[in-house]
Amino acid sequence: MRTRDRYLFIRILEACNADCFMCEFALSRDAFRFSTEDFDDLLPKARDAGVGYIRFTGGEPLMHPGVVELVRAGTAAGMKMSLITNGSLLPRMAPSLAEAGLAQVIVSLDGASGATHDVYRRSPGMFDSGLRGLREASALGVLPRVNTVVGPHNYTEMPRLQEVLTDAGVQQWELSALKLDRTITYPDTDHVRSVCDPIYNADPAALLVPMGKRFYGDTPQEQERYFTGSVTPRASEPLCHVADDVIYVDGKYGRMYACSCIPHREGDDGPGGAPLREQGVIRLDTPVFRTHADYFRERGPTVCNGCSTTAAGYSDDVARLGAVGAWHY
């Protein structure tokens, strides 16, 4: 019997209105949209599979014309609903999303001000829109979270961003390492530690502290792998518990994965996913999916090269505590 609710991620589109330099979907005009019919079909199967949380990803989910009704349908089915957004459309849509039952909103913010964030995302006005949307959503009872991609270009901004997010009332912060198809180098790794260690060591009663592991690793071994080979911190051995608790559905390609990080690196670290449908019917936890999930459960801590800080921390907390709180991933 399951003791933890699972997370179901659904990529509901690839289209996006941002031009982020690190993203394969920058300014995508792809026409795919995950349908309400498929979502209605998926919901009871997700519930039977032990899913308690659903998170929409993209692209930019708020560009999906039916996103509010998708949130409403998930909420009516008893799911805690979440989505990840660049924030550009959030101020306008926050009231309708909150009314539909959105429980958590995650905004991507990579700089401590519009002067830098809007340059990284190559999207003028996006920082101000994202921060305003977070405040408005929070005032409507939606849990506000920020995801930050950090690398050599912006790590020195993180102490200031920590203050900005704290002042804005953000409740959760994922600080994850930049991932590119090449080794990422830092001129002075000791400077990274001196700037960023205080962020993680801050008093959580005074400042918002990032979730999970340090983006450059908690242990000397993790830091060596990261700074020399750009291998982000992994779940600690012997097992990755994310593979027990996550299903990621790529709606466009009809595949599912046992972690939200694997679809972006398919083939790099191990076998890639499982079909979402068998003989045209949506099925979760199929034998093919379980084989895929078991591979990463058992081998993820030694083979994965693109883990997120939150995923790694989640697995370690499950191993240590067994039960974890809501929205721990």
Protein backbone atom coordinates (compact mmCIF):
# COMPACT_ATOMS: atom_id res chain seq x y z
CA MET A 1 0.00 0.00 0.00
CA ARG A 2 1.33 3.46 -0.94
CA THR A 3 2.10 5.86 1.89
CA ARG A 4 2.94 8.87 -0.32
CA ASP A 5 0.88 10.51 -3.04
CA ARG A 6 2.52 10.44 -6.45
CA TYR A 7 3.20 13.42 -8.72
CA LEU A 8 1.91 13.38 -12.29
CA PHE A 9 3.60 15.88 -14.61
CA ILE A 10 1.91 16.54 -17.95
CA ARG A 11 3.52 18.51 -20.75
CA ILE A 12 0.35 20.03 -22.15
CA LEU A 13 2.04 21.93 -25.00
CA GLU A 14 5.43 22.92 -26.38
CA ALA A 15 4.53 26.42 -27.58
CA CYS A 16 6.11 29.28 -25.65
CA ASN A 17 6.26 33.07 -25.77
CA ALA A 18 9.69 33.36 -24.10
CA ASP A 19 13.10 33.15 -25.77
CA CYS A 20 15.16 31.56 -22.98
CA PHE A 21 18.70 30.81 -24.15
CA MET A 22 18.87 27.40 -22.46
CA CYS A 23 15.52 26.02 -23.64
CA GLU A 24 14.66 23.89 -26.67
CA PHE A 25 11.13 25.35 -26.74
CA ALA A 26 12.19 29.02 -26.98
CA LEU A 27 9.58 30.93 -29.00
CA SER A 28 8.09 27.64 -30.18
CA ARG A 29 4.92 27.90 -32.24
CA ASP A 30 4.23 24.17 -32.09
CA ALA A 31 0.51 23.49 -32.54
CA PHE A 32 0.06 20.53 -30.16
CA ARG A 33 -2.31 21.00 -27.22
CA PHE A 34 -3.13 18.23 -24.72
CA SER A 35 -6.86 17.67 -25.06
CA THR A 36 -9.51 17.86 -22.37
CA GLU A 37 -10.74 14.45 -23.56
CA ASP A 38 -7.36 12.84 -22.91
CA PHE A 39 -7.16 14.55 -19.52
CA ASP A 40 -10.62 13.29 -18.56
CA ASP A 41 -9.52 9.80 -19.61
CA LEU A 42 -6.28 10.08 -17.66
CA LEU A 43 -7.70 11.37 -14.37
CA PRO A 44 -9.35 8.18 -13.01
CA LYS A 45 -6.31 6.14 -14.01
CA ALA A 46 -4.05 8.61 -12.24
CA ARG A 47 -6.16 8.35 -9.11
CA ASP A 48 -5.97 4.54 -9.27
CA ALA A 49 -2.17 4.81 -9.61
CA GLY A 50 -1.92 6.78 -6.36
CA VAL A 51 -1.48 10.25 -7.87
CA GLY A 52 -2.37 13.14 -5.58
CA TYR A 53 -0.55 15.99 -7.34
CA ILE A 54 -0.74 17.06 -10.99
CA ARG A 55 1.64 19.63 -12.45
CA PHE A 56 1.30 21.10 -15.95
CA THR A 57 4.49 21.93 -17.82
CA GLY A 58 5.34 23.20 -21.29
CA GLY A 59 6.33 25.24 -23.19
CA GLU A 60 4.22 27.87 -21.51
CA PRO A 61 1.12 26.21 -20.00
CA LEU A 62 -0.81 29.48 -19.77
CA MET A 63 -0.85 29.61 -23.59
CA HIS A 64 -3.08 26.51 -23.60
CA PRO A 65 -6.60 27.82 -24.30
CA GLY A 66 -8.16 25.23 -21.99
CA VAL A 67 -5.74 25.44 -19.08
CA VAL A 68 -8.28 26.89 -16.63
CA GLU A 69 -10.78 24.13 -17.38
CA LEU A 70 -8.04 21.50 -17.10
CA VAL A 71 -7.22 22.85 -13.63
CA ARG A 72 -10.90 22.82 -12.74
CA ALA A 73 -11.33 19.21 -13.90
CA GLY A 74 -8.29 18.05 -11.94
CA THR A 75 -9.45 19.82 -8.80
CA ALA A 76 -12.93 18.30 -9.13
CA ALA A 77 -11.28 14.87 -9.34
CA GLY A 78 -9.58 15.47 -6.00
CA MET A 79 -6.12 16.36 -7.33
CA LYS A 80 -3.90 19.14 -6.02
CA MET A 81 -3.18 21.14 -9.16
CA SER A 82 0.01 23.00 -10.04
CA LEU A 83 1.69 24.52 -13.09
CA ILE A 84 5.06 25.95 -14.11
CA THR A 85 4.98 29.27 -15.97
CA ASN A 86 7.30 32.04 -17.11
CA GLY A 87 4.82 34.40 -15.45
CA SER A 88 4.12 36.68 -18.39
CA LEU A 89 0.39 35.88 -18.46
CA LEU A 90 -0.01 35.16 -14.76
CA PRO A 91 -1.21 38.58 -13.53
CA ARG A 92 -4.15 38.45 -15.92
CA MET A 93 -4.96 34.76 -15.36
CA ALA A 94 -4.33 34.38 -11.62
CA PRO A 95 -7.96 35.07 -10.59
CA SER A 96 -9.47 32.50 -12.95
CA LEU A 97 -6.83 29.90 -12.10
CA ALA A 98 -7.38 30.39 -8.37
CA GLU A 99 -11.15 30.17 -8.83
CA ALA A 100 -10.67 26.90 -10.73
CA GLY A 101 -8.75 25.47 -7.78
CA LEU A 102 -5.07 25.90 -8.64
CA ALA A 103 -3.16 24.96 -5.49
CA GLN A 104 0.41 25.90 -6.44
CA VAL A 105 2.02 28.11 -9.08
CA ILE A 106 5.71 27.94 -10.01
CA VAL A 107 7.28 30.91 -11.78
CA SER A 108 10.70 30.76 -13.43
CA LEU A 109 12.91 33.65 -12.26
CA ASP A 110 16.66 33.61 -12.95
CA GLY A 111 17.75 37.12 -12.04
CA ALA A 112 17.27 39.45 -9.10
CA SER A 113 15.76 42.18 -11.28
CA GLY A 114 14.30 42.77 -14.70
CA ALA A 115 17.62 44.23 -15.80
CA THR A 116 19.15 40.75 -15.75
CA HIS A 117 16.31 38.21 -15.76
CA ASP A 118 14.71 39.70 -18.86
CA VAL A 119 18.08 39.48 -20.63
CA TYR A 120 18.58 35.81 -19.68
CA ARG A 121 15.06 35.01 -20.85
CA ARG A 122 15.29 37.48 -23.76
CA SER A 123 11.79 38.65 -22.88
CA PRO A 124 11.28 42.29 -21.79
CA GLY A 125 8.96 42.78 -18.82
CA MET A 126 8.90 39.14 -17.81
CA PHE A 127 10.49 39.63 -14.38
CA ASP A 128 7.96 42.24 -13.30
CA SER A 129 5.05 40.19 -14.64
CA GLY A 130 6.25 37.05 -12.91
CA LEU A 131 6.74 38.73 -9.54
CA ARG A 132 3.41 40.53 -9.78
CA GLY A 133 1.67 37.30 -10.74
CA LEU A 134 3.19 35.49 -7.77
CA ARG A 135 1.93 38.15 -5.38
CA GLU A 136 -1.56 38.14 -6.89
CA ALA A 137 -1.78 34.34 -6.87
CA SER A 138 -0.58 34.20 -3.28
CA ALA A 139 -3.21 36.74 -2.22
CA LEU A 140 -5.82 34.41 -3.75
CA GLY A 141 -4.60 31.42 -1.72
CA VAL A 142 -2.32 29.78 -4.29
CA LEU A 143 1.04 28.53 -2.94
CA PRO A 144 3.80 30.61 -4.63
CA ARG A 145 7.05 28.92 -5.69
CA VAL A 146 9.98 30.03 -7.84
CA ASN A 147 12.29 27.85 -9.94
CA THR A 148 15.69 29.35 -10.75
CA VAL A 149 18.25 28.08 -13.25
CA VAL A 150 21.67 29.07 -11.94
CA GLY A 151 25.05 29.02 -13.66
CA PRO A 152 28.23 31.04 -14.14
CA HIS A 153 26.21 33.90 -15.62
CA ASN A 154 24.04 34.59 -12.58
CA TYR A 155 25.19 32.83 -9.40
CA THR A 156 26.41 36.11 -7.91
CA GLU A 157 22.82 37.40 -8.03
CA MET A 158 21.43 34.61 -5.88
CA PRO A 159 21.86 36.32 -2.47
CA ARG A 160 19.93 39.33 -3.75
CA LEU A 161 17.30 37.11 -5.40
CA GLN A 162 16.87 35.33 -2.06
CA GLU A 163 15.98 38.67 -0.48
CA VAL A 164 13.63 39.62 -3.33
CA LEU A 165 11.73 36.34 -3.10
CA THR A 166 11.54 36.53 0.69
CA ASP A 167 10.12 40.05 0.51
CA ALA A 168 7.60 38.92 -2.12
CA GLY A 169 6.26 36.18 0.16
CA VAL A 170 7.40 33.27 -2.02
CA GLN A 171 7.13 30.04 -0.01
CA GLN A 172 9.30 27.62 -2.01
CA TRP A 173 12.43 28.04 -4.12
CA GLU A 174 14.16 25.54 -6.37
CA LEU A 175 17.70 26.57 -7.25
CA SER A 176 18.87 24.14 -9.95
CA ALA A 177 22.00 24.08 -12.07
CA LEU A 178 22.09 25.19 -15.68
CA LYS A 179 22.29 22.20 -18.03
CA LEU A 180 23.73 22.52 -21.53
CA ASP A 181 25.09 20.06 -24.08
CA ARG A 182 28.61 20.93 -23.02
CA THR A 183 30.69 21.21 -19.87
CA ILE A 184 29.91 24.33 -17.86
CA THR A 185 32.95 25.93 -16.25
CA TYR A 186 33.33 28.34 -13.34
CA PRO A 187 36.54 30.41 -13.20
CA ASP A 188 36.64 30.24 -9.39
CA THR A 189 34.76 27.41 -7.69
CA ASP A 190 35.70 28.66 -4.23
CA HIS A 191 33.93 31.91 -5.07
CA VAL A 192 30.78 29.97 -5.98
CA ARG A 193 30.85 28.36 -2.53
CA SER A 194 31.56 31.61 -0.72
CA VAL A 195 28.66 33.34 -2.47
CA CYS A 196 26.13 30.52 -2.34
CA ASP A 197 26.82 28.56 0.86
CA PRO A 198 25.27 31.36 2.97
CA ILE A 199 22.07 31.07 0.93
CA TYR A 200 21.62 27.48 2.05
CA ASN A 201 22.81 28.13 5.60
CA ALA A 202 20.43 31.04 6.17
CA ASP A 203 17.90 31.04 8.99
CA PRO A 204 14.63 29.87 7.36
CA ALA A 205 12.72 32.06 9.79
CA ALA A 206 14.36 35.11 8.21
CA LEU A 207 15.07 34.15 4.59
CA LEU A 208 13.65 31.76 2.01
CA VAL A 209 16.02 28.78 1.78
CA PRO A 210 16.19 26.68 -1.41
CA MET A 211 14.67 23.21 -1.54
CA GLY A 212 16.77 20.08 -1.89
CA LYS A 213 20.50 19.88 -2.36
CA ARG A 214 22.94 22.65 -3.22
CA PHE A 215 23.01 23.10 -6.99
CA TYR A 216 26.76 22.36 -6.93
CA GLY A 217 26.41 19.45 -4.47
CA ASP A 218 26.36 18.91 -0.73
CA THR A 219 29.33 16.54 -0.44
CA PRO A 220 32.92 16.92 -1.66
CA GLN A 221 32.29 14.09 -4.14
CA GLU A 222 29.18 15.78 -5.56
CA GLN A 223 30.99 19.09 -5.86
CA GLU A 224 33.92 17.46 -7.63
CA ARG A 225 31.58 15.84 -10.18
CA TYR A 226 29.73 19.09 -10.73
CA PHE A 227 32.64 21.48 -11.05
CA THR A 228 34.76 19.16 -13.23
CA GLY A 229 32.11 17.42 -15.34
CA SER A 230 28.85 19.38 -14.92
CA VAL A 231 27.16 16.32 -13.37
CA THR A 232 24.46 17.74 -11.14
CA PRO A 233 23.87 16.28 -7.65
CA ARG A 234 22.00 12.99 -7.73
CA ALA A 235 19.85 11.04 -5.33
CA SER A 236 22.16 9.36 -2.84
CA GLU A 237 22.75 5.63 -3.11
CA PRO A 238 21.40 3.02 -2.98
CA LEU A 239 18.00 3.97 -4.50
CA CYS A 240 16.26 6.89 -6.21
CA HIS A 241 12.81 7.21 -4.66
CA VAL A 242 11.65 9.75 -7.24
CA ALA A 243 11.15 6.80 -9.60
CA ASP A 244 8.60 5.44 -7.11
CA ASP A 245 6.65 8.67 -6.84
CA VAL A 246 6.68 10.45 -10.22
CA ILE A 247 5.07 9.91 -13.60
CA TYR A 248 5.90 12.41 -16.34
CA VAL A 249 3.63 12.36 -19.39
CA ASP A 250 4.72 13.90 -22.66
CA GLY A 251 1.35 14.47 -24.26
CA LYS A 252 2.62 15.23 -27.74
CA TYR A 253 4.72 12.11 -28.14
CA GLY A 254 2.57 9.85 -26.00
CA ARG A 255 5.32 8.69 -23.68
CA MET A 256 5.72 8.56 -19.91
CA TYR A 257 8.76 8.65 -17.68
CA ALA A 258 9.59 7.96 -14.03
CA CYS A 259 11.06 11.41 -13.35
CA SER A 260 10.49 14.97 -14.53
CA CYS A 261 14.17 15.29 -15.49
CA ILE A 262 14.47 12.26 -17.79
CA PRO A 263 12.40 13.50 -20.78
CA HIS A 264 14.81 16.38 -21.35
CA ARG A 265 17.79 14.00 -21.51
CA GLU A 266 16.29 10.87 -23.05
CA GLY A 267 18.95 8.37 -24.06
CA ASP A 268 21.75 10.10 -22.14
CA ASP A 269 21.45 8.14 -18.93
CA GLY A 270 19.50 4.98 -19.67
CA PRO A 271 16.37 3.56 -21.31
CA GLY A 272 13.81 6.11 -22.38
CA GLY A 273 10.29 5.95 -21.06
CA ALA A 274 7.29 3.86 -21.99
CA PRO A 275 4.27 4.30 -24.28
CA LEU A 276 1.34 6.10 -22.67
CA ARG A 277 -1.13 3.99 -24.63
CA GLU A 278 -1.45 0.27 -25.17
CA GLN A 279 -3.62 -0.62 -28.17
CA GLY A 280 -4.88 2.96 -28.20
CA VAL A 281 -5.87 3.00 -24.51
CA ILE A 282 -4.13 5.19 -21.89
CA ARG A 283 -2.57 2.99 -19.22
CA LEU A 284 -0.25 3.91 -16.35
CA ASP A 285 2.12 1.58 -14.48
CA THR A 286 2.36 -0.84 -17.37
CA PRO A 287 5.06 -3.54 -17.26
CA VAL A 288 7.14 -1.49 -19.70
CA PHE A 289 6.85 1.58 -17.48
CA ARG A 290 7.73 -0.42 -14.36
CA THR A 291 10.85 -1.80 -16.05
CA HIS A 292 11.86 1.75 -16.96
CA ALA A 293 11.11 3.06 -13.45
CA ASP A 294 12.93 0.18 -11.76
CA TYR A 295 16.03 0.87 -13.84
CA PHE A 296 16.24 4.45 -12.58
CA ARG A 297 15.19 3.50 -9.06
CA GLU A 298 18.14 1.13 -8.82
CA ARG A 299 20.70 2.83 -11.07
CA GLY A 300 19.74 6.50 -11.03
CA PRO A 301 22.09 7.35 -8.14
CA THR A 302 25.05 6.21 -10.26
CA VAL A 303 24.08 6.95 -13.88
CA CYS A 304 21.91 10.08 -13.98
CA ASN A 305 23.63 13.20 -15.30
CA GLY A 306 20.82 15.76 -15.17
CA CYS A 307 19.06 15.50 -11.81
CA SER A 308 17.46 18.56 -10.25
CA THR A 309 18.28 19.74 -6.75
CA THR A 310 14.67 19.18 -5.69
CA ALA A 311 14.51 15.65 -7.10
CA ALA A 312 17.79 14.68 -5.43
CA GLY A 313 16.71 16.19 -2.13
CA TYR A 314 13.27 14.61 -2.34
CA SER A 315 14.74 11.13 -2.77
CA ASP A 316 17.15 11.60 0.12
CA ASP A 317 14.39 12.92 2.38
CA VAL A 318 12.16 9.96 1.55
CA ALA A 319 15.02 7.59 2.35
CA ARG A 320 15.64 9.37 5.64
CA LEU A 321 12.09 10.18 6.76
CA GLY A 322 9.72 7.93 4.83
CA ALA A 323 6.90 10.48 4.85
CA VAL A 324 7.39 13.96 3.39
CA GLY A 325 5.20 17.04 3.38
CA ALA A 326 2.92 18.40 0.69
CA TRP A 327 4.59 19.85 -2.40
CA HIS A 328 7.96 18.45 -1.33
CA TYR A 329 8.81 17.83 -5.00
